[in-house]
Amino acid sequence: RLGLERADTAEKALTVIVDLLEKYGQGGNCMESQMAFTYHNSFLIADRKEAWVLETSGKYWAAEKVEGGVRNISNQLSITTKIDREHPELREYAKSKGWWNGEKEFDFAAAYSYVNTARMTTSRGRYCEGYKLLNKHKGSITPEIMMEILRDKDSGINMEGGFMTTGSMVSVLPQQPDLPCIHYFTGTPDPAR
């Protein structure tokens, strides 16, 4: 929200978020229940001209500029070796923890998580299923198709149970400045409704 308030481009919003992350860190309970549950955040940041994926681990972060095609995030780090901006101490910290030897190509998701990055788009999970659904419609994604994807329960994108998906957002950002941007928000406790 502060990125939207303080920046007029996607890249400037990225800068706002990482500056706030550096100053304040992240944390806090992400559930209203008494159960303490926190996690590190990922962001899709877009304007009419460009889009970025920002993923965090504590105060450390990596950002990837989306150059085309489709891109998703979901409950895991997904930025691997294509890193366009990063925390200035990202690699050195990973090296000091023994997560990266400093010799092979740096892979953010591999260094900062337990994910096997070679299997991210092939193993059944929310990230993989979202990737498949987006690729199925690549080149012809409409707001209605995005809403259908975000309602999908079989893939786990629309979660049920202890952790429930309670909101989704679809944005249409035309590149032509004379056309309005349109944003659709879930108005119910479950995007399937």
N, C-alpha and C. Protein backbone atom coordinates (compact mmCIF):
# COMPACT_ATOMS: atom_id res chain seq x y z
N ARG A 1 0.83 -1.20 0.00
CA ARG A 1 0.00 0.00 0.00
C ARG A 1 0.86 1.25 0.00
N LEU A 2 1.97 1.19 0.75
CA LEU A 2 2.84 2.37 0.78
C LEU A 2 3.57 2.54 -0.55
N GLY A 3 3.86 1.45 -1.23
CA GLY A 3 4.44 1.54 -2.57
C GLY A 3 3.50 2.25 -3.53
N LEU A 4 2.21 1.92 -3.44
CA LEU A 4 1.20 2.58 -4.27
C LEU A 4 1.08 4.06 -3.93
N GLU A 5 1.14 4.36 -2.65
CA GLU A 5 0.98 5.74 -2.20
C GLU A 5 2.17 6.62 -2.57
N ARG A 6 3.38 6.07 -2.47
CA ARG A 6 4.59 6.89 -2.56
C ARG A 6 5.32 6.83 -3.89
N ALA A 7 4.87 6.01 -4.81
CA ALA A 7 5.59 5.85 -6.07
C ALA A 7 4.66 5.96 -7.27
N ASP A 8 5.22 6.40 -8.38
CA ASP A 8 4.41 6.50 -9.60
C ASP A 8 4.84 5.51 -10.68
N THR A 9 5.80 4.64 -10.37
CA THR A 9 6.17 3.55 -11.28
C THR A 9 6.39 2.28 -10.46
N ALA A 10 6.38 1.16 -11.15
CA ALA A 10 6.60 -0.12 -10.47
C ALA A 10 7.99 -0.18 -9.85
N GLU A 11 8.99 0.28 -10.56
CA GLU A 11 10.35 0.22 -10.01
C GLU A 11 10.51 1.14 -8.80
N LYS A 12 9.88 2.30 -8.83
CA LYS A 12 9.94 3.19 -7.66
C LYS A 12 9.21 2.56 -6.47
N ALA A 13 8.11 1.85 -6.72
CA ALA A 13 7.40 1.16 -5.63
C ALA A 13 8.28 0.06 -5.05
N LEU A 14 9.01 -0.63 -5.89
CA LEU A 14 9.97 -1.63 -5.43
C LEU A 14 10.98 -0.99 -4.48
N THR A 15 11.49 0.16 -4.86
CA THR A 15 12.45 0.88 -4.01
C THR A 15 11.82 1.28 -2.68
N VAL A 16 10.60 1.76 -2.70
CA VAL A 16 9.89 2.12 -1.47
C VAL A 16 9.82 0.90 -0.54
N ILE A 17 9.42 -0.23 -1.09
CA ILE A 17 9.24 -1.44 -0.27
C ILE A 17 10.57 -1.91 0.31
N VAL A 18 11.63 -1.95 -0.50
CA VAL A 18 12.90 -2.45 0.03
C VAL A 18 13.52 -1.46 1.03
N ASP A 19 13.28 -0.17 0.84
CA ASP A 19 13.76 0.82 1.83
C ASP A 19 13.04 0.62 3.16
N LEU A 20 11.72 0.38 3.12
CA LEU A 20 10.95 0.13 4.34
C LEU A 20 11.38 -1.19 4.99
N LEU A 21 11.64 -2.18 4.18
CA LEU A 21 12.12 -3.47 4.68
C LEU A 21 13.45 -3.30 5.41
N GLU A 22 14.35 -2.52 4.84
CA GLU A 22 15.65 -2.28 5.46
C GLU A 22 15.49 -1.54 6.79
N LYS A 23 14.59 -0.57 6.82
CA LYS A 23 14.42 0.26 8.01
C LYS A 23 13.64 -0.45 9.12
N TYR A 24 12.57 -1.17 8.75
CA TYR A 24 11.66 -1.73 9.75
C TYR A 24 11.65 -3.26 9.82
N GLY A 25 12.21 -3.93 8.84
CA GLY A 25 12.12 -5.39 8.80
C GLY A 25 10.70 -5.82 8.46
N GLN A 26 10.42 -7.07 8.70
CA GLN A 26 9.07 -7.58 8.46
C GLN A 26 8.73 -8.56 9.56
N GLY A 27 7.47 -8.85 9.66
CA GLY A 27 7.05 -9.77 10.71
C GLY A 27 5.64 -9.45 11.12
N GLY A 28 5.26 -9.98 12.24
CA GLY A 28 3.90 -9.80 12.69
C GLY A 28 3.07 -10.99 12.28
N ASN A 29 2.02 -11.23 13.01
CA ASN A 29 1.17 -12.36 12.76
C ASN A 29 0.37 -12.13 11.48
N CYS A 30 0.30 -13.14 10.64
CA CYS A 30 -0.46 -12.99 9.40
C CYS A 30 -1.83 -13.66 9.48
N MET A 31 -2.25 -14.00 10.70
CA MET A 31 -3.57 -14.58 10.91
C MET A 31 -4.24 -13.84 12.07
N GLU A 32 -5.54 -13.78 12.04
CA GLU A 32 -6.26 -13.12 13.12
C GLU A 32 -6.41 -14.01 14.35
N SER A 33 -6.17 -15.30 14.19
CA SER A 33 -6.32 -16.22 15.32
C SER A 33 -5.16 -16.03 16.30
N GLN A 34 -5.22 -16.74 17.41
CA GLN A 34 -4.17 -16.66 18.42
C GLN A 34 -2.90 -17.39 17.99
N MET A 35 -3.03 -18.28 17.00
CA MET A 35 -1.86 -19.01 16.53
C MET A 35 -0.86 -18.04 15.90
N ALA A 36 0.37 -18.08 16.35
CA ALA A 36 1.40 -17.21 15.78
C ALA A 36 1.92 -17.84 14.50
N PHE A 37 1.77 -17.13 13.41
CA PHE A 37 2.25 -17.61 12.12
C PHE A 37 2.74 -16.43 11.32
N THR A 38 4.01 -16.43 11.03
CA THR A 38 4.59 -15.35 10.23
C THR A 38 5.33 -15.96 9.04
N TYR A 39 5.56 -15.17 8.03
CA TYR A 39 6.34 -15.63 6.88
C TYR A 39 6.94 -14.42 6.18
N HIS A 40 7.83 -14.72 5.25
CA HIS A 40 8.46 -13.67 4.46
C HIS A 40 7.59 -13.43 3.23
N ASN A 41 7.64 -12.24 2.70
CA ASN A 41 6.67 -11.86 1.68
C ASN A 41 7.25 -11.81 0.28
N SER A 42 6.35 -11.99 -0.67
CA SER A 42 6.65 -11.85 -2.09
C SER A 42 5.62 -10.88 -2.67
N PHE A 43 6.04 -10.16 -3.70
CA PHE A 43 5.18 -9.14 -4.28
C PHE A 43 5.23 -9.19 -5.80
N LEU A 44 4.09 -9.00 -6.44
CA LEU A 44 4.01 -8.70 -7.86
C LEU A 44 3.75 -7.20 -7.94
N ILE A 45 4.63 -6.47 -8.60
CA ILE A 45 4.52 -5.01 -8.67
C ILE A 45 4.48 -4.62 -10.14
N ALA A 46 3.41 -3.96 -10.57
CA ALA A 46 3.28 -3.64 -11.99
C ALA A 46 2.70 -2.25 -12.20
N ASP A 47 3.10 -1.65 -13.30
CA ASP A 47 2.46 -0.43 -13.78
C ASP A 47 2.14 -0.65 -15.26
N ARG A 48 1.81 0.38 -15.97
CA ARG A 48 1.43 0.23 -17.38
C ARG A 48 2.60 -0.22 -18.26
N LYS A 49 3.83 0.03 -17.83
CA LYS A 49 4.99 -0.22 -18.69
C LYS A 49 5.87 -1.37 -18.26
N GLU A 50 5.87 -1.72 -16.97
CA GLU A 50 6.77 -2.78 -16.52
C GLU A 50 6.22 -3.50 -15.30
N ALA A 51 6.81 -4.66 -15.04
CA ALA A 51 6.41 -5.46 -13.88
C ALA A 51 7.65 -6.05 -13.23
N TRP A 52 7.57 -6.22 -11.91
CA TRP A 52 8.65 -6.77 -11.11
C TRP A 52 8.10 -7.82 -10.17
N VAL A 53 8.94 -8.81 -9.84
CA VAL A 53 8.67 -9.74 -8.76
C VAL A 53 9.71 -9.41 -7.69
N LEU A 54 9.25 -9.20 -6.47
CA LEU A 54 10.12 -8.94 -5.33
C LEU A 54 9.89 -10.06 -4.33
N GLU A 55 10.97 -10.72 -3.91
CA GLU A 55 10.86 -11.77 -2.91
C GLU A 55 11.83 -11.47 -1.78
N THR A 56 11.40 -11.78 -0.55
CA THR A 56 12.17 -11.40 0.63
C THR A 56 12.47 -12.59 1.52
N SER A 57 13.54 -12.43 2.28
CA SER A 57 13.90 -13.39 3.31
C SER A 57 14.53 -12.57 4.43
N GLY A 58 13.73 -12.30 5.47
CA GLY A 58 14.19 -11.36 6.49
C GLY A 58 14.38 -10.00 5.84
N LYS A 59 15.54 -9.38 6.07
CA LYS A 59 15.79 -8.07 5.44
C LYS A 59 16.42 -8.21 4.05
N TYR A 60 16.74 -9.44 3.67
CA TYR A 60 17.37 -9.68 2.38
C TYR A 60 16.31 -9.89 1.31
N TRP A 61 16.64 -9.51 0.09
CA TRP A 61 15.65 -9.56 -0.98
C TRP A 61 16.32 -9.67 -2.35
N ALA A 62 15.54 -10.14 -3.30
CA ALA A 62 15.94 -10.19 -4.70
C ALA A 62 14.74 -9.75 -5.53
N ALA A 63 15.02 -9.08 -6.64
CA ALA A 63 13.94 -8.62 -7.52
C ALA A 63 14.26 -9.01 -8.95
N GLU A 64 13.23 -9.42 -9.64
CA GLU A 64 13.34 -9.82 -11.04
C GLU A 64 12.41 -8.96 -11.87
N LYS A 65 12.94 -8.34 -12.92
CA LYS A 65 12.10 -7.59 -13.84
C LYS A 65 11.46 -8.60 -14.79
N VAL A 66 10.15 -8.54 -14.92
CA VAL A 66 9.42 -9.45 -15.80
C VAL A 66 9.55 -8.91 -17.21
N GLU A 67 10.15 -9.71 -18.08
CA GLU A 67 10.44 -9.25 -19.45
C GLU A 67 9.37 -9.68 -20.45
N GLY A 68 8.49 -10.59 -20.07
CA GLY A 68 7.46 -11.05 -20.99
C GLY A 68 6.89 -12.37 -20.52
N GLY A 69 5.92 -12.87 -21.25
CA GLY A 69 5.31 -14.15 -20.90
C GLY A 69 4.43 -14.03 -19.68
N VAL A 70 4.42 -15.05 -18.85
CA VAL A 70 3.62 -15.06 -17.63
C VAL A 70 4.56 -15.27 -16.45
N ARG A 71 4.12 -14.81 -15.28
CA ARG A 71 4.94 -14.93 -14.07
C ARG A 71 4.00 -15.01 -12.89
N ASN A 72 4.30 -15.87 -11.93
CA ASN A 72 3.48 -15.99 -10.74
C ASN A 72 4.35 -16.13 -9.50
N ILE A 73 3.74 -15.94 -8.35
CA ILE A 73 4.37 -16.17 -7.06
C ILE A 73 3.39 -16.98 -6.23
N SER A 74 3.90 -17.75 -5.27
CA SER A 74 2.98 -18.48 -4.41
C SER A 74 3.72 -19.29 -3.36
N ASN A 75 3.73 -18.81 -2.15
CA ASN A 75 4.18 -19.56 -0.98
C ASN A 75 5.57 -20.19 -1.08
N GLN A 76 6.42 -19.65 -1.88
CA GLN A 76 7.80 -20.11 -1.94
C GLN A 76 8.61 -19.08 -2.72
N LEU A 77 9.91 -19.11 -2.54
CA LEU A 77 10.76 -18.24 -3.35
C LEU A 77 10.82 -18.81 -4.75
N SER A 78 10.74 -17.94 -5.75
CA SER A 78 10.75 -18.42 -7.13
C SER A 78 11.78 -17.70 -7.99
N ILE A 79 12.44 -16.69 -7.45
CA ILE A 79 13.51 -16.03 -8.19
C ILE A 79 14.75 -16.91 -8.06
N THR A 80 15.28 -17.33 -9.17
CA THR A 80 16.44 -18.21 -9.14
C THR A 80 17.69 -17.42 -9.53
N THR A 81 18.13 -17.50 -10.77
CA THR A 81 19.39 -16.86 -11.18
C THR A 81 19.17 -15.54 -11.92
N LYS A 82 17.95 -15.27 -12.37
CA LYS A 82 17.67 -13.99 -13.03
C LYS A 82 17.33 -12.96 -11.96
N ILE A 83 18.34 -12.24 -11.51
CA ILE A 83 18.17 -11.24 -10.46
C ILE A 83 18.58 -9.89 -11.05
N ASP A 84 17.63 -8.97 -11.08
CA ASP A 84 17.90 -7.66 -11.67
C ASP A 84 18.24 -6.60 -10.64
N ARG A 85 17.77 -6.77 -9.43
CA ARG A 85 18.15 -5.92 -8.29
C ARG A 85 18.21 -6.80 -7.07
N GLU A 86 19.05 -6.45 -6.10
CA GLU A 86 19.18 -7.28 -4.90
C GLU A 86 19.71 -6.46 -3.73
N HIS A 87 19.47 -6.99 -2.54
CA HIS A 87 20.02 -6.40 -1.33
C HIS A 87 21.55 -6.40 -1.49
N PRO A 88 22.22 -5.30 -1.12
CA PRO A 88 23.67 -5.22 -1.35
C PRO A 88 24.49 -6.30 -0.64
N GLU A 89 23.95 -6.90 0.42
CA GLU A 89 24.69 -7.94 1.15
C GLU A 89 24.10 -9.33 0.93
N LEU A 90 23.20 -9.48 -0.04
CA LEU A 90 22.49 -10.74 -0.27
C LEU A 90 23.42 -11.93 -0.44
N ARG A 91 24.37 -11.81 -1.34
CA ARG A 91 25.27 -12.94 -1.65
C ARG A 91 26.26 -13.18 -0.52
N GLU A 92 26.78 -12.10 0.06
CA GLU A 92 27.76 -12.26 1.13
C GLU A 92 27.14 -12.93 2.35
N TYR A 93 25.89 -12.58 2.66
CA TYR A 93 25.20 -13.22 3.78
C TYR A 93 24.99 -14.71 3.51
N ALA A 94 24.56 -15.04 2.30
CA ALA A 94 24.36 -16.45 1.93
C ALA A 94 25.69 -17.22 2.04
N LYS A 95 26.75 -16.59 1.64
CA LYS A 95 28.08 -17.21 1.72
C LYS A 95 28.48 -17.43 3.17
N SER A 96 28.24 -16.42 4.02
CA SER A 96 28.62 -16.52 5.44
C SER A 96 27.84 -17.61 6.17
N LYS A 97 26.64 -17.93 5.70
CA LYS A 97 25.81 -18.98 6.31
C LYS A 97 26.09 -20.36 5.71
N GLY A 98 26.92 -20.41 4.67
CA GLY A 98 27.21 -21.68 4.01
C GLY A 98 26.14 -22.13 3.04
N TRP A 99 25.27 -21.21 2.63
CA TRP A 99 24.19 -21.54 1.70
C TRP A 99 24.65 -21.46 0.25
N TRP A 100 25.77 -20.78 0.01
CA TRP A 100 26.31 -20.61 -1.34
C TRP A 100 27.82 -20.57 -1.22
N ASN A 101 28.50 -21.26 -2.10
CA ASN A 101 29.96 -21.34 -2.00
C ASN A 101 30.68 -20.19 -2.69
N GLY A 102 29.97 -19.33 -3.38
CA GLY A 102 30.60 -18.20 -4.05
C GLY A 102 31.22 -18.55 -5.39
N GLU A 103 31.18 -19.82 -5.76
CA GLU A 103 31.78 -20.24 -7.02
C GLU A 103 30.73 -20.53 -8.09
N LYS A 104 29.73 -21.34 -7.74
CA LYS A 104 28.70 -21.63 -8.75
C LYS A 104 27.77 -20.43 -8.89
N GLU A 105 26.96 -20.43 -9.96
CA GLU A 105 26.04 -19.32 -10.21
C GLU A 105 25.11 -19.15 -9.01
N PHE A 106 24.88 -17.90 -8.60
CA PHE A 106 24.03 -17.64 -7.45
C PHE A 106 22.57 -17.86 -7.81
N ASP A 107 21.87 -18.62 -6.98
CA ASP A 107 20.44 -18.94 -7.15
C ASP A 107 19.75 -18.54 -5.86
N PHE A 108 18.99 -17.45 -5.90
CA PHE A 108 18.36 -16.91 -4.69
C PHE A 108 17.46 -17.94 -4.02
N ALA A 109 16.55 -18.55 -4.77
CA ALA A 109 15.61 -19.52 -4.17
C ALA A 109 16.35 -20.70 -3.58
N ALA A 110 17.38 -21.18 -4.25
CA ALA A 110 18.13 -22.33 -3.74
C ALA A 110 18.90 -21.96 -2.48
N ALA A 111 19.47 -20.76 -2.44
CA ALA A 111 20.28 -20.35 -1.28
C ALA A 111 19.41 -20.02 -0.07
N TYR A 112 18.29 -19.36 -0.27
CA TYR A 112 17.50 -18.84 0.84
C TYR A 112 16.28 -19.69 1.19
N SER A 113 16.11 -20.84 0.57
CA SER A 113 14.99 -21.71 0.94
C SER A 113 15.39 -23.16 0.76
N TYR A 114 14.46 -24.05 1.06
CA TYR A 114 14.70 -25.47 0.92
C TYR A 114 14.14 -26.02 -0.38
N VAL A 115 13.73 -25.13 -1.27
CA VAL A 115 13.09 -25.55 -2.51
C VAL A 115 14.13 -26.07 -3.50
N ASN A 116 13.82 -27.19 -4.13
CA ASN A 116 14.64 -27.69 -5.22
C ASN A 116 14.21 -26.90 -6.45
N THR A 117 15.01 -25.93 -6.86
CA THR A 117 14.59 -25.02 -7.92
C THR A 117 14.42 -25.72 -9.26
N ALA A 118 15.07 -26.85 -9.46
CA ALA A 118 14.90 -27.58 -10.72
C ALA A 118 13.51 -28.20 -10.81
N ARG A 119 12.83 -28.40 -9.66
CA ARG A 119 11.52 -29.05 -9.65
C ARG A 119 10.36 -28.09 -9.41
N MET A 120 10.64 -26.78 -9.29
CA MET A 120 9.58 -25.82 -8.91
C MET A 120 8.38 -25.85 -9.86
N THR A 121 8.62 -25.99 -11.15
CA THR A 121 7.51 -25.93 -12.10
C THR A 121 7.01 -27.31 -12.50
N THR A 122 7.50 -28.36 -11.84
CA THR A 122 7.04 -29.70 -12.18
C THR A 122 6.39 -30.44 -11.02
N SER A 123 6.66 -30.04 -9.78
CA SER A 123 6.05 -30.75 -8.64
C SER A 123 4.71 -30.12 -8.31
N ARG A 124 3.74 -30.94 -7.90
CA ARG A 124 2.38 -30.43 -7.64
C ARG A 124 2.39 -29.56 -6.38
N GLY A 125 2.10 -28.32 -6.55
CA GLY A 125 2.02 -27.35 -5.48
C GLY A 125 1.40 -26.09 -6.06
N ARG A 126 1.09 -25.15 -5.20
CA ARG A 126 0.41 -23.93 -5.66
C ARG A 126 1.20 -23.19 -6.74
N TYR A 127 2.51 -23.05 -6.52
CA TYR A 127 3.32 -22.33 -7.50
C TYR A 127 3.28 -23.04 -8.85
N CYS A 128 3.52 -24.33 -8.84
CA CYS A 128 3.54 -25.12 -10.06
C CYS A 128 2.19 -25.11 -10.76
N GLU A 129 1.13 -25.29 -9.99
CA GLU A 129 -0.21 -25.33 -10.59
C GLU A 129 -0.59 -23.96 -11.17
N GLY A 130 -0.22 -22.88 -10.49
CA GLY A 130 -0.47 -21.55 -11.03
C GLY A 130 0.31 -21.33 -12.31
N TYR A 131 1.55 -21.77 -12.32
CA TYR A 131 2.40 -21.67 -13.51
C TYR A 131 1.76 -22.40 -14.69
N LYS A 132 1.26 -23.61 -14.43
CA LYS A 132 0.62 -24.40 -15.49
C LYS A 132 -0.64 -23.71 -16.02
N LEU A 133 -1.48 -23.22 -15.10
CA LEU A 133 -2.72 -22.57 -15.52
C LEU A 133 -2.44 -21.30 -16.31
N LEU A 134 -1.48 -20.51 -15.89
CA LEU A 134 -1.13 -19.30 -16.63
C LEU A 134 -0.58 -19.65 -18.01
N ASN A 135 0.29 -20.64 -18.09
CA ASN A 135 0.87 -21.03 -19.37
C ASN A 135 -0.16 -21.62 -20.32
N LYS A 136 -1.17 -22.28 -19.76
CA LYS A 136 -2.25 -22.85 -20.58
C LYS A 136 -2.95 -21.74 -21.37
N HIS A 137 -3.04 -20.55 -20.77
CA HIS A 137 -3.76 -19.43 -21.39
C HIS A 137 -2.82 -18.33 -21.90
N LYS A 138 -1.52 -18.61 -21.92
CA LYS A 138 -0.52 -17.61 -22.31
C LYS A 138 -0.88 -16.99 -23.66
N GLY A 139 -0.87 -15.68 -23.71
CA GLY A 139 -1.19 -14.96 -24.94
C GLY A 139 -2.66 -14.62 -25.09
N SER A 140 -3.51 -15.22 -24.25
CA SER A 140 -4.95 -14.93 -24.37
C SER A 140 -5.60 -14.78 -22.99
N ILE A 141 -4.84 -14.26 -22.03
CA ILE A 141 -5.38 -14.11 -20.67
C ILE A 141 -6.26 -12.87 -20.62
N THR A 142 -7.48 -13.08 -20.18
CA THR A 142 -8.45 -12.00 -20.00
C THR A 142 -8.72 -11.87 -18.50
N PRO A 143 -9.39 -10.80 -18.07
CA PRO A 143 -9.76 -10.72 -16.65
C PRO A 143 -10.60 -11.92 -16.21
N GLU A 144 -11.49 -12.40 -17.07
CA GLU A 144 -12.34 -13.55 -16.72
C GLU A 144 -11.49 -14.81 -16.51
N ILE A 145 -10.48 -15.02 -17.35
CA ILE A 145 -9.61 -16.19 -17.20
C ILE A 145 -8.81 -16.06 -15.91
N MET A 146 -8.30 -14.86 -15.60
CA MET A 146 -7.56 -14.67 -14.35
C MET A 146 -8.45 -14.96 -13.15
N MET A 147 -9.69 -14.51 -13.20
CA MET A 147 -10.62 -14.78 -12.09
C MET A 147 -10.87 -16.27 -11.96
N GLU A 148 -10.99 -16.97 -13.08
CA GLU A 148 -11.18 -18.41 -13.07
C GLU A 148 -9.97 -19.10 -12.43
N ILE A 149 -8.77 -18.67 -12.78
CA ILE A 149 -7.55 -19.25 -12.21
C ILE A 149 -7.52 -19.00 -10.70
N LEU A 150 -7.84 -17.80 -10.26
CA LEU A 150 -7.78 -17.46 -8.84
C LEU A 150 -8.89 -18.15 -8.03
N ARG A 151 -9.94 -18.63 -8.70
CA ARG A 151 -11.01 -19.37 -8.02
C ARG A 151 -10.71 -20.86 -7.92
N ASP A 152 -9.68 -21.33 -8.62
CA ASP A 152 -9.40 -22.75 -8.76
C ASP A 152 -9.03 -23.40 -7.43
N LYS A 153 -9.85 -24.32 -6.97
CA LYS A 153 -9.60 -25.01 -5.71
C LYS A 153 -8.75 -26.27 -5.90
N ASP A 154 -8.92 -26.97 -7.03
CA ASP A 154 -8.17 -28.21 -7.27
C ASP A 154 -6.66 -27.96 -7.27
N SER A 155 -6.24 -26.81 -7.75
CA SER A 155 -4.81 -26.48 -7.83
C SER A 155 -4.25 -26.06 -6.48
N GLY A 156 -5.13 -25.70 -5.56
CA GLY A 156 -4.69 -25.17 -4.28
C GLY A 156 -4.51 -23.66 -4.30
N ILE A 157 -4.75 -23.03 -5.44
CA ILE A 157 -4.61 -21.58 -5.52
C ILE A 157 -5.66 -20.92 -4.63
N ASN A 158 -6.88 -21.40 -4.70
CA ASN A 158 -7.94 -20.94 -3.81
C ASN A 158 -8.00 -21.95 -2.66
N MET A 159 -7.29 -21.65 -1.58
CA MET A 159 -7.12 -22.60 -0.48
C MET A 159 -8.36 -22.69 0.40
N GLU A 160 -8.58 -23.91 0.93
CA GLU A 160 -9.65 -24.16 1.88
C GLU A 160 -9.03 -24.79 3.12
N GLY A 161 -9.73 -24.75 4.22
CA GLY A 161 -9.25 -25.39 5.44
C GLY A 161 -8.66 -24.39 6.40
N GLY A 162 -7.60 -24.81 7.11
CA GLY A 162 -6.97 -23.96 8.13
C GLY A 162 -6.42 -22.67 7.56
N PHE A 163 -5.85 -22.74 6.40
CA PHE A 163 -5.38 -21.56 5.70
C PHE A 163 -6.28 -21.36 4.50
N MET A 164 -7.08 -20.32 4.55
CA MET A 164 -8.05 -20.08 3.49
C MET A 164 -7.66 -18.84 2.69
N THR A 165 -7.90 -18.91 1.39
CA THR A 165 -7.77 -17.72 0.56
C THR A 165 -8.97 -16.84 0.84
N THR A 166 -8.73 -15.63 1.24
CA THR A 166 -9.85 -14.74 1.60
C THR A 166 -10.01 -13.57 0.65
N GLY A 167 -9.12 -13.44 -0.30
CA GLY A 167 -9.25 -12.33 -1.24
C GLY A 167 -8.34 -12.51 -2.43
N SER A 168 -8.78 -12.00 -3.55
CA SER A 168 -7.99 -12.00 -4.78
C SER A 168 -8.19 -10.67 -5.47
N MET A 169 -7.26 -10.34 -6.34
CA MET A 169 -7.32 -9.08 -7.08
C MET A 169 -6.86 -9.33 -8.51
N VAL A 170 -7.59 -8.79 -9.45
CA VAL A 170 -7.22 -8.84 -10.87
C VAL A 170 -7.17 -7.40 -11.35
N SER A 171 -6.07 -7.04 -11.99
CA SER A 171 -5.91 -5.67 -12.51
C SER A 171 -5.67 -5.69 -14.01
N VAL A 172 -6.30 -4.77 -14.69
CA VAL A 172 -6.09 -4.56 -16.11
C VAL A 172 -5.38 -3.23 -16.24
N LEU A 173 -4.13 -3.26 -16.76
CA LEU A 173 -3.30 -2.07 -16.85
C LEU A 173 -2.94 -1.82 -18.32
N PRO A 174 -3.81 -1.15 -19.07
CA PRO A 174 -3.51 -0.91 -20.49
C PRO A 174 -2.25 -0.06 -20.65
N GLN A 175 -1.47 -0.35 -21.67
CA GLN A 175 -0.27 0.44 -21.92
C GLN A 175 -0.60 1.83 -22.44
N GLN A 176 -1.76 1.98 -23.07
CA GLN A 176 -2.18 3.29 -23.58
C GLN A 176 -2.63 4.17 -22.42
N PRO A 177 -1.98 5.32 -22.21
CA PRO A 177 -2.30 6.16 -21.05
C PRO A 177 -3.71 6.76 -21.07
N ASP A 178 -4.37 6.78 -22.22
CA ASP A 178 -5.71 7.35 -22.28
C ASP A 178 -6.79 6.35 -21.86
N LEU A 179 -6.41 5.08 -21.69
CA LEU A 179 -7.38 4.07 -21.24
C LEU A 179 -7.29 3.92 -19.72
N PRO A 180 -8.42 3.74 -19.05
CA PRO A 180 -8.38 3.61 -17.58
C PRO A 180 -7.87 2.24 -17.13
N CYS A 181 -7.24 2.22 -15.98
CA CYS A 181 -6.88 0.95 -15.34
C CYS A 181 -8.13 0.46 -14.61
N ILE A 182 -8.32 -0.84 -14.60
CA ILE A 182 -9.49 -1.43 -13.95
C ILE A 182 -9.00 -2.47 -12.95
N HIS A 183 -9.55 -2.44 -11.74
CA HIS A 183 -9.14 -3.36 -10.68
C HIS A 183 -10.37 -4.07 -10.13
N TYR A 184 -10.31 -5.38 -10.09
CA TYR A 184 -11.38 -6.21 -9.54
C TYR A 184 -10.90 -6.80 -8.23
N PHE A 185 -11.70 -6.69 -7.18
CA PHE A 185 -11.36 -7.25 -5.87
C PHE A 185 -12.43 -8.24 -5.44
N THR A 186 -12.02 -9.28 -4.74
CA THR A 186 -12.98 -10.21 -4.17
C THR A 186 -13.81 -9.47 -3.13
N GLY A 187 -15.12 -9.59 -3.20
CA GLY A 187 -16.01 -8.93 -2.25
C GLY A 187 -16.64 -9.91 -1.28
N THR A 188 -16.15 -11.14 -1.27
CA THR A 188 -16.69 -12.18 -0.40
C THR A 188 -15.53 -12.86 0.33
N PRO A 189 -15.80 -13.68 1.35
CA PRO A 189 -14.72 -14.34 2.06
C PRO A 189 -14.03 -15.44 1.24
N ASP A 190 -14.56 -15.81 0.08
CA ASP A 190 -13.98 -16.87 -0.73
C ASP A 190 -14.04 -16.43 -2.19
N PRO A 191 -12.90 -16.37 -2.90
CA PRO A 191 -12.91 -15.94 -4.30
C PRO A 191 -13.80 -16.78 -5.21
N ALA A 192 -14.18 -17.97 -4.80
CA ALA A 192 -15.05 -18.80 -5.63
C ALA A 192 -16.49 -18.31 -5.64
N ARG A 193 -16.85 -17.44 -4.72
CA ARG A 193 -18.24 -16.95 -4.63
C ARG A 193 -18.44 -15.74 -5.53
